Amino acid sequence: MTSKGFTGRTNNIETPNDINLTEKPLNSNKISSGRVDINVLKSKLEAEQGKEFRKNLFIFSFCVLLLGSIGIFLSL
């Protein structure tokens, strides 16, 4: 029994011929030109401000109700 070691085992591994496909990025979405529509930004800002206004209105009304109920309780 003779042992040839690693030199006796030669495996030819073939690489694919479509190297250009592997060089492309994984994300194939189109890159936009960097321009932004002002109307989209305005609508997002208005929606965010609307949510913030409702939250502030709820907190303000809760505080007024709480102060009113404490005032009525202490006056009795």
Protein backbone atom coordinates (compact mmCIF):
# COMPACT_ATOMS: atom_id res chain seq x y z
CA MET A 1 0.00 0.00 0.00
CA THR A 2 1.44 3.24 -1.05
CA SER A 3 0.12 6.59 -0.06
CA LYS A 4 0.38 9.34 -2.62
CA GLY A 5 -0.87 12.07 -0.32
CA PHE A 6 -2.56 15.11 -1.68
CA THR A 7 -0.58 15.16 -4.91
CA GLY A 8 -2.35 12.09 -6.21
CA ARG A 9 -5.79 13.63 -5.94
CA THR A 10 -6.32 16.30 -8.53
CA ASN A 11 -9.82 17.57 -9.01
CA ASN A 12 -10.49 20.06 -11.74
CA ILE A 13 -13.07 22.52 -10.54
CA GLU A 14 -14.63 24.45 -13.37
CA THR A 15 -15.71 28.00 -12.80
CA PRO A 16 -18.87 29.26 -14.47
CA ASN A 17 -18.52 31.26 -17.65
CA ASP A 18 -21.12 33.85 -16.62
CA ILE A 19 -18.79 35.93 -14.46
CA ASN A 20 -20.69 39.10 -15.45
CA LEU A 21 -23.78 37.91 -13.58
CA THR A 22 -21.86 37.45 -10.35
CA GLU A 23 -20.39 40.94 -10.54
CA LYS A 24 -23.86 42.56 -10.49
CA PRO A 25 -25.23 43.62 -7.11
CA LEU A 26 -27.89 41.49 -5.47
CA ASN A 27 -30.38 44.35 -5.33
CA SER A 28 -31.65 44.86 -8.85
CA ASN A 29 -33.89 47.86 -8.07
CA LYS A 30 -33.44 50.90 -10.22
CA ILE A 31 -31.48 53.69 -8.63
CA SER A 32 -33.46 56.90 -8.65
CA SER A 33 -31.99 60.13 -9.89
CA GLY A 34 -32.13 61.72 -6.45
CA ARG A 35 -35.06 63.99 -7.24
CA VAL A 36 -37.87 64.19 -4.71
CA ASP A 37 -41.45 65.23 -5.32
CA ILE A 38 -42.32 68.13 -3.03
CA ASN A 39 -45.99 67.13 -2.91
CA VAL A 40 -45.14 63.73 -1.46
CA LEU A 41 -43.00 65.34 1.22
CA LYS A 42 -45.75 67.85 2.07
CA SER A 43 -48.37 65.11 2.40
CA LYS A 44 -46.14 63.06 4.69
CA LEU A 45 -45.43 66.12 6.82
CA GLU A 46 -49.13 67.01 7.06
CA ALA A 47 -50.00 63.44 8.09
CA GLU A 48 -47.31 63.48 10.77
CA GLN A 49 -48.44 66.87 12.06
CA GLY A 50 -52.05 65.65 12.14
CA LYS A 51 -51.09 62.69 14.33
CA GLU A 52 -49.07 64.93 16.63
CA PHE A 53 -51.93 67.44 16.91
CA ARG A 54 -54.42 64.70 17.89
CA LYS A 55 -52.01 63.40 20.52
CA ASN A 56 -51.48 66.87 21.97
CA LEU A 57 -55.24 67.56 21.94
CA PHE A 58 -55.88 64.31 23.83
CA ILE A 59 -53.25 65.13 26.47
CA PHE A 60 -54.57 68.70 26.86
CA SER A 61 -58.19 67.57 27.22
CA PHE A 62 -57.17 64.89 29.74
CA CYS A 63 -55.33 67.48 31.85
CA VAL A 64 -58.29 69.91 31.74
CA LEU A 65 -60.69 67.12 32.72
CA LEU A 66 -58.38 66.01 35.53
CA LEU A 67 -58.02 69.55 36.89
CA GLY A 68 -61.77 70.10 36.66
CA SER A 69 -62.54 66.88 38.52
CA ILE A 70 -59.97 67.68 41.23
CA GLY A 71 -61.47 71.18 41.58
CA ILE A 72 -64.99 69.79 41.94
CA PHE A 73 -63.81 67.16 44.45
CA LEU A 74 -62.00 69.74 46.61
CA SER A 75 -64.92 72.19 46.56
CA LEU A 76 -67.32 69.62 48.06
